[in-house]
Amino acid sequence: MIELIHLEKKYEQTVPLKDVNAVINRGDVISVIGPSGTGKSTLLRCINLLEKPTGGQILLDGEDITDPKYDAVKARRRMGMVFQSFNLFGHLTVIENLMLAPREILKKTKQEAYDTGIALLKRVGLAGREFQYPDQLSGGQKQRIAIARTLAMDPDVILLDEPTSALDPTMVGEVQAVIRDLAGTGKTMMIVTHEMNFARSICNRVFYMDQGVIFEDGTPEQVFDHPQKEQTRRFIHKLKVLELLIDSREYDFAGAGTLIDQYCLRSDILLRVKYRIRLAFEELVQQILLPVLERTALHVTVEYSEEEKTATVIIAYGGPRYDPAEGKNDLAYTVLKRSISELTYQYTEGAELSNTIRAVILS
């Protein structure tokens, strides 16, 4: 139904979309997830031409809607947009907000637009509110009206940009319930959201966006449970990450300690966990590995999970199999084992970084 081909959007100071490629099938319900500032909202705005792409193509049922000769209004009639800030007309009643576009654009009669509006208000659970004004409604009610207004145009595609981000937490559920209902109607939908459980529960596909591209595209099970890309895994599990490359015995270990302290402070890691991260780093790298692996660089990654309140120190290195448990520094290994919750070693023959140690530290 919609094909994105090398889609690009550039501004003077930033490039939110670098090279986006995807095929959106009729009836797909796609959750678009990823860190803030990675082009998710810009992608939706480009698809319905609220933003003009600076490169690439968007094909809608085979027609290139980015062609300068294409009538953008024609495309927008087929694609409804729900914004995070509602965008209702404050001087119009609820029913007038719902009737405006069908009358002006679809040329429906006043009675037809009214009857459609009343039916949609019932559908979103707001029957009886038709003569109220937006400032008489809660945030959740306003967003449901905004969804009803989009449905009044009977679009083929519904684009929702962070539809619950501006709401009080107590109102999120009522809007999500309406969107869940829509997801079962066969409409093609794309939803930008930070609500991971919600995204997983309603969609048949997930786009993980980062650095202006779609890094991963798959089913909810694939993306949430078995992500293929490291960036996806870190985002899904809400991991705060610090990476270090130890390439010689003359490495600046004092500087590394400062980096670890700063990382723990930014990540709001408890002091006792910070001390154990530093101890794991010092014992594994300085006492156990470097004296033996003088010519092998050590890739050190510290991951902290906000959800599980767990830190993991991962050290990967190449060369032949070397398990620290079988090394000669029994004292350092014993100190390490007593300070962490779990220590594992894995050797993968043929891999560039064939040895991997994981030290897990619980809060």
Protein backbone atom coordinates (compact mmCIF):
# COMPACT_ATOMS: atom_id res chain seq x y z
CA MET A 1 0.00 0.00 0.00
CA ILE A 2 2.77 2.45 1.02
CA GLU A 3 6.39 2.03 -0.04
CA LEU A 4 9.18 4.20 1.33
CA ILE A 5 12.23 4.29 -0.92
CA HIS A 6 15.43 5.95 0.36
CA LEU A 7 13.30 8.55 2.12
CA GLU A 8 15.28 11.51 3.41
CA LYS A 9 14.52 14.69 5.29
CA LYS A 10 17.19 17.31 5.90
CA TYR A 11 17.11 20.56 7.82
CA GLU A 12 19.90 23.10 8.02
CA GLN A 13 21.16 21.86 11.38
CA THR A 14 20.00 18.23 11.46
CA VAL A 15 19.01 15.21 9.36
CA PRO A 16 16.10 13.40 11.08
CA LEU A 17 15.60 10.93 8.20
CA LYS A 18 18.68 9.63 6.40
CA ASP A 19 17.68 6.59 4.35
CA VAL A 20 14.32 5.08 5.29
CA ASN A 21 13.11 2.05 3.35
CA ALA A 22 9.98 0.06 4.16
CA VAL A 23 6.85 -1.49 2.68
CA ILE A 24 3.63 -0.92 4.64
CA ASN A 25 0.94 -3.40 3.70
CA ARG A 26 -2.79 -2.75 3.75
CA GLY A 27 -4.12 -3.59 7.21
CA ASP A 28 -0.74 -3.37 8.94
CA VAL A 29 -0.74 -1.93 12.45
CA ILE A 30 2.81 -0.69 12.98
CA SER A 31 4.28 0.67 16.20
CA VAL A 32 7.21 3.01 15.62
CA ILE A 33 9.56 3.03 18.60
CA GLY A 34 13.00 4.41 19.35
CA PRO A 35 14.86 7.09 21.30
CA SER A 36 13.68 10.69 21.20
CA GLY A 37 14.98 12.75 18.29
CA THR A 38 15.46 9.84 15.89
CA GLY A 39 12.96 10.89 13.22
CA LYS A 40 9.82 9.01 14.26
CA SER A 41 7.43 11.97 14.16
CA THR A 42 9.16 13.38 11.08
CA LEU A 43 8.53 10.05 9.33
CA LEU A 44 4.76 10.32 9.91
CA ARG A 45 4.68 13.96 8.85
CA CYS A 46 6.54 13.11 5.64
CA ILE A 47 4.22 10.22 4.84
CA ASN A 48 1.16 12.48 4.85
CA LEU A 49 3.15 15.35 3.29
CA LEU A 50 2.87 17.75 6.21
CA GLU A 51 6.66 17.81 5.80
CA LYS A 52 8.13 17.73 2.31
CA PRO A 53 10.84 15.05 1.97
CA THR A 54 14.17 16.29 0.64
CA GLY A 55 15.02 12.97 -0.99
CA GLY A 56 13.61 9.58 -1.91
CA GLN A 57 10.08 8.54 -2.77
CA ILE A 58 6.78 7.66 -1.10
CA LEU A 59 4.55 5.41 -3.20
CA LEU A 60 0.87 5.22 -2.27
CA ASP A 61 -0.72 2.34 -4.15
CA GLY A 62 2.00 2.74 -6.76
CA GLU A 63 1.65 6.52 -7.17
CA ASP A 64 4.64 8.69 -6.23
CA ILE A 65 3.09 11.24 -3.90
CA THR A 66 6.43 13.07 -3.59
CA ASP A 67 6.29 13.98 -7.25
CA PRO A 68 5.93 17.80 -7.45
CA LYS A 69 3.04 17.31 -9.89
CA TYR A 70 1.09 15.12 -7.46
CA ASP A 71 -1.84 16.74 -5.63
CA ALA A 72 -0.92 16.55 -1.94
CA VAL A 73 -4.55 17.13 -0.91
CA LYS A 74 -5.47 13.90 -2.67
CA ALA A 75 -3.00 11.96 -0.50
CA ARG A 76 -4.08 13.67 2.72
CA ARG A 77 -7.70 12.72 2.10
CA ARG A 78 -6.61 9.10 2.39
CA MET A 79 -4.42 9.58 5.46
CA GLY A 80 -5.65 10.86 8.80
CA MET A 81 -3.28 12.28 11.41
CA VAL A 82 -3.73 12.29 15.19
CA PHE A 83 -1.34 14.67 16.94
CA GLN A 84 -0.09 14.55 20.52
CA SER A 85 -1.44 18.06 21.17
CA PHE A 86 -5.03 17.37 19.98
CA ASN A 87 -5.24 20.45 17.68
CA LEU A 88 -8.97 20.92 18.23
CA PHE A 89 -10.56 24.26 17.34
CA GLY A 90 -11.33 25.89 20.68
CA HIS A 91 -14.06 28.16 19.31
CA LEU A 92 -16.03 25.23 17.87
CA THR A 93 -18.14 22.69 19.74
CA VAL A 94 -17.18 19.01 19.66
CA ILE A 95 -19.65 18.19 16.91
CA GLU A 96 -18.58 21.23 14.89
CA ASN A 97 -14.97 20.04 15.12
CA LEU A 98 -16.07 16.64 13.76
CA MET A 99 -18.24 18.09 10.98
CA LEU A 100 -15.86 20.70 9.61
CA ALA A 101 -13.54 18.63 7.40
CA PRO A 102 -16.23 16.25 6.03
CA ARG A 103 -18.29 19.25 4.94
CA GLU A 104 -15.42 21.33 3.57
CA ILE A 105 -13.34 18.58 1.96
CA LEU A 106 -15.66 15.62 1.37
CA LYS A 107 -18.59 17.95 0.56
CA LYS A 108 -20.99 16.03 2.78
CA THR A 109 -24.29 17.60 3.69
CA LYS A 110 -24.73 19.08 7.13
CA GLN A 111 -27.01 16.21 8.16
CA GLU A 112 -24.61 13.55 6.84
CA ALA A 113 -21.68 15.09 8.69
CA TYR A 114 -23.74 15.45 11.85
CA ASP A 115 -24.98 11.84 11.79
CA THR A 116 -21.43 10.56 11.20
CA GLY A 117 -20.11 12.72 14.03
CA ILE A 118 -22.72 11.49 16.51
CA ALA A 119 -21.99 7.86 15.58
CA LEU A 120 -18.27 8.40 16.07
CA LEU A 121 -18.78 10.04 19.46
CA LYS A 122 -20.60 6.90 20.58
CA ARG A 123 -17.76 4.81 19.22
CA VAL A 124 -15.12 6.64 21.26
CA GLY A 125 -17.28 6.64 24.39
CA LEU A 126 -18.24 10.34 24.37
CA ALA A 127 -21.91 10.32 23.43
CA GLY A 128 -23.68 13.36 24.82
CA ARG A 129 -20.63 15.63 24.59
CA GLU A 130 -21.39 16.98 21.15
CA PHE A 131 -22.30 20.52 22.24
CA GLN A 132 -19.47 21.01 24.69
CA TYR A 133 -16.34 23.00 23.86
CA PRO A 134 -12.80 21.54 24.01
CA ASP A 135 -11.89 23.52 27.15
CA GLN A 136 -14.71 21.70 28.97
CA LEU A 137 -13.06 18.32 28.34
CA SER A 138 -10.20 16.44 29.96
CA GLY A 139 -7.02 15.68 28.02
CA GLY A 140 -8.09 12.11 27.43
CA GLN A 141 -11.48 13.23 26.15
CA LYS A 142 -9.88 15.77 23.82
CA GLN A 143 -7.64 13.09 22.33
CA ARG A 144 -10.62 10.78 21.80
CA ILE A 145 -12.38 13.64 20.01
CA ALA A 146 -9.25 14.13 17.88
CA ILE A 147 -9.36 10.43 16.94
CA ALA A 148 -13.07 10.70 16.10
CA ARG A 149 -12.34 13.75 13.94
CA THR A 150 -9.78 11.74 12.00
CA LEU A 151 -12.23 8.86 11.55
CA ALA A 152 -14.87 11.27 10.25
CA MET A 153 -12.82 11.49 7.05
CA ASP A 154 -12.85 7.68 6.69
CA PRO A 155 -9.13 7.53 5.86
CA ASP A 156 -7.39 4.44 4.49
CA VAL A 157 -4.39 5.12 6.73
CA ILE A 158 -4.34 6.49 10.29
CA LEU A 159 -1.11 8.03 11.59
CA LEU A 160 -0.88 8.63 15.35
CA ASP A 161 2.00 10.70 16.69
CA GLU A 162 2.54 10.02 20.41
CA PRO A 163 -1.22 10.04 21.04
CA THR A 164 -0.88 9.61 24.82
CA SER A 165 2.33 11.52 25.58
CA ALA A 166 0.56 14.77 26.57
CA LEU A 167 -1.93 13.04 28.87
CA ASP A 168 -2.07 12.60 32.60
CA PRO A 169 -1.24 8.93 33.40
CA THR A 170 -4.80 8.38 34.63
CA MET A 171 -6.16 9.25 31.17
CA VAL A 172 -3.80 7.16 29.05
CA GLY A 173 -5.87 3.99 29.33
CA GLU A 174 -9.05 5.48 27.90
CA VAL A 175 -7.25 6.65 24.75
CA GLN A 176 -5.39 3.36 24.37
CA ALA A 177 -8.70 1.50 24.56
CA VAL A 178 -10.04 3.49 21.60
CA ILE A 179 -6.85 2.84 19.59
CA ARG A 180 -7.05 -0.88 20.38
CA ASP A 181 -10.59 -0.87 19.01
CA LEU A 182 -9.37 0.83 15.83
CA ALA A 183 -6.55 -1.70 15.43
CA GLY A 184 -9.12 -4.45 15.04
CA THR A 185 -11.01 -2.75 12.20
CA GLY A 186 -8.55 -3.54 9.40
CA LYS A 187 -7.40 0.05 9.01
CA THR A 188 -3.75 0.58 8.17
CA MET A 189 -2.17 2.32 11.16
CA MET A 190 1.22 3.68 12.20
CA ILE A 191 1.63 4.69 15.84
CA VAL A 192 4.65 6.51 17.26
CA THR A 193 4.77 5.64 20.94
CA HIS A 194 7.03 5.26 23.96
CA GLU A 195 4.55 2.89 25.65
CA MET A 196 6.26 -0.45 24.99
CA ASN A 197 3.56 -2.71 26.47
CA PHE A 198 0.89 -0.87 24.51
CA ALA A 199 2.93 -1.08 21.29
CA ARG A 200 3.42 -4.79 21.74
CA SER A 201 -0.23 -5.50 22.47
CA ILE A 202 -1.84 -3.86 19.43
CA CYS A 203 0.55 -4.14 16.49
CA ASN A 204 1.52 -6.82 14.00
CA ARG A 205 4.80 -5.06 13.14
CA VAL A 206 7.34 -2.91 14.95
CA PHE A 207 9.74 -0.38 13.45
CA TYR A 208 12.70 0.43 15.68
CA MET A 209 14.13 3.75 14.52
CA ASP A 210 17.52 5.17 15.42
CA GLN A 211 19.92 7.61 13.76
CA GLY A 212 17.37 8.49 11.07
CA VAL A 213 16.83 4.96 9.73
CA ILE A 214 14.68 1.92 10.47
CA PHE A 215 17.19 -0.26 12.29
CA GLU A 216 14.83 -3.17 12.78
CA ASP A 217 11.48 -4.24 11.30
CA GLY A 218 9.71 -7.33 12.57
CA THR A 219 6.87 -8.82 14.55
CA PRO A 220 6.47 -7.78 18.19
CA GLU A 221 7.93 -11.13 19.27
CA GLN A 222 10.97 -10.69 17.05
CA VAL A 223 11.73 -7.10 18.02
CA PHE A 224 10.86 -7.22 21.73
CA ASP A 225 12.00 -10.74 22.59
CA HIS A 226 14.75 -11.46 20.05
CA PRO A 227 16.12 -8.17 18.70
CA GLN A 228 18.78 -8.62 16.02
CA LYS A 229 20.54 -5.29 16.49
CA GLU A 230 22.44 -4.18 19.58
CA GLN A 231 20.81 -0.72 19.51
CA THR A 232 17.36 -2.33 19.59
CA ARG A 233 18.25 -4.59 22.52
CA ARG A 234 19.57 -1.68 24.54
CA PHE A 235 16.48 0.42 23.90
CA ILE A 236 13.97 -2.37 24.60
CA HIS A 237 15.62 -3.26 27.90
CA LYS A 238 16.20 0.40 28.83
CA LEU A 239 19.93 -0.11 29.14
CA LYS A 240 22.36 2.66 30.01
CA VAL A 241 25.68 1.77 28.39
CA LEU A 242 29.34 2.68 28.84
CA GLU A 243 31.95 1.29 26.44
CA LEU A 244 35.73 1.26 26.87
CA LEU A 245 38.55 -0.13 24.73
CA ILE A 246 41.63 -1.22 26.70
CA ASP A 247 44.38 -1.51 24.08
CA SER A 248 47.56 -1.58 26.19
CA ARG A 249 48.91 -2.01 29.71
CA GLU A 250 49.67 1.75 29.66
CA TYR A 251 45.97 2.53 29.34
CA ASP A 252 44.72 5.46 31.48
CA PHE A 253 43.00 3.45 34.22
CA ALA A 254 42.55 6.48 36.46
CA GLY A 255 40.65 8.15 33.61
CA ALA A 256 38.59 5.01 33.13
CA GLY A 257 37.64 5.10 36.81
CA THR A 258 36.44 8.68 36.38
CA LEU A 259 34.37 7.68 33.34
CA ILE A 260 32.77 4.87 35.34
CA ASP A 261 31.95 7.27 38.20
CA GLN A 262 30.38 9.78 35.78
CA TYR A 263 28.41 7.03 34.04
CA CYS A 264 27.05 5.74 37.37
CA LEU A 265 26.06 9.26 38.41
CA ARG A 266 24.20 9.91 35.12
CA SER A 267 22.48 6.53 35.33
CA ASP A 268 21.42 7.02 38.99
CA ILE A 269 23.24 3.84 40.03
CA LEU A 270 23.49 3.12 43.76
CA LEU A 271 26.90 3.66 45.39
CA ARG A 272 27.29 0.00 46.37
CA VAL A 273 26.62 -1.05 42.79
CA LYS A 274 29.11 1.51 41.49
CA TYR A 275 31.82 0.16 43.79
CA ARG A 276 31.17 -3.37 42.57
CA ILE A 277 31.30 -2.25 38.93
CA ARG A 278 34.68 -0.65 39.57
CA LEU A 279 35.90 -3.70 41.45
CA ALA A 280 34.80 -6.05 38.65
CA PHE A 281 36.57 -3.82 36.12
CA GLU A 282 39.78 -3.60 38.14
CA GLU A 283 40.01 -7.27 39.09
CA LEU A 284 39.11 -8.66 35.68
CA VAL A 285 41.01 -6.22 33.51
CA GLN A 286 44.02 -5.15 35.56
CA GLN A 287 44.63 -8.17 37.77
CA ILE A 288 43.44 -11.19 35.78
CA LEU A 289 43.42 -10.49 32.03
CA LEU A 290 46.03 -7.87 31.12
CA PRO A 291 48.98 -9.67 32.74
CA VAL A 292 48.21 -12.67 30.52
CA LEU A 293 46.77 -11.04 27.38
CA GLU A 294 49.38 -8.36 26.77
CA ARG A 295 48.79 -8.11 23.02
CA THR A 296 45.01 -8.47 22.96
CA ALA A 297 42.65 -5.48 23.16
CA LEU A 298 39.84 -5.78 25.69
CA HIS A 299 36.38 -4.46 24.79
CA VAL A 300 34.64 -3.50 28.03
CA THR A 301 30.92 -2.74 28.16
CA VAL A 302 28.98 -1.76 31.27
CA GLU A 303 25.19 -2.08 30.96
CA TYR A 304 22.70 -0.91 33.56
CA SER A 305 19.06 -1.96 33.27
CA GLU A 306 16.64 0.65 34.63
CA GLU A 307 13.88 -1.96 34.74
CA GLU A 308 15.76 -4.70 36.57
CA LYS A 309 18.15 -2.44 38.54
CA THR A 310 20.96 -4.73 37.43
CA ALA A 311 24.44 -3.88 36.18
CA THR A 312 26.44 -6.15 33.89
CA VAL A 313 30.13 -5.82 33.09
CA ILE A 314 30.94 -7.53 29.79
CA ILE A 315 34.53 -8.05 28.67
CA ALA A 316 35.23 -9.46 25.21
CA TYR A 317 38.61 -10.28 23.70
CA GLY A 318 40.06 -12.26 20.85
CA GLY A 319 42.74 -14.93 20.68
CA PRO A 320 42.76 -18.51 21.97
CA ARG A 321 40.46 -19.71 24.70
CA TYR A 322 41.27 -18.17 28.08
CA ASP A 323 38.90 -18.67 31.01
CA PRO A 324 39.81 -16.49 34.02
CA ALA A 325 38.62 -19.28 36.33
CA GLU A 326 41.53 -21.35 35.05
CA GLY A 327 44.12 -18.57 35.46
CA LYS A 328 46.81 -18.22 38.09
CA ASN A 329 45.48 -15.23 40.02
CA ASP A 330 43.29 -17.13 42.47
CA LEU A 331 43.11 -14.23 44.93
CA ALA A 332 41.73 -11.73 42.40
CA TYR A 333 39.25 -14.30 41.10
CA THR A 334 38.04 -15.10 44.63
CA VAL A 335 37.60 -11.41 45.46
CA LEU A 336 35.66 -10.96 42.22
CA LYS A 337 33.36 -13.93 42.82
CA ARG A 338 32.48 -12.72 46.32
CA SER A 339 31.57 -9.23 45.06
CA ILE A 340 29.15 -10.04 42.25
CA SER A 341 26.01 -12.10 41.78
CA GLU A 342 26.93 -14.11 38.70
CA LEU A 343 30.06 -14.71 36.62
CA THR A 344 30.00 -16.56 33.30
CA TYR A 345 32.54 -17.25 30.57
CA GLN A 346 31.91 -18.22 26.93
CA TYR A 347 34.24 -19.12 24.09
CA THR A 348 33.01 -18.86 20.47
CA GLU A 349 35.45 -20.44 18.09
CA GLY A 350 36.05 -18.43 14.92
CA ALA A 351 34.59 -15.18 16.27
CA GLU A 352 36.68 -12.01 16.18
CA LEU A 353 36.07 -11.54 19.91
CA SER A 354 36.03 -15.22 20.78
CA ASN A 355 36.15 -14.87 24.59
CA THR A 356 33.37 -13.22 26.58
CA ILE A 357 33.08 -12.73 30.34
CA ARG A 358 29.87 -11.45 31.94
CA ALA A 359 29.76 -10.25 35.54
CA VAL A 360 26.25 -9.52 36.82
CA ILE A 361 25.75 -7.17 39.78
CA LEU A 362 22.37 -6.96 41.48
CA SER A 363 21.18 -3.91 43.38
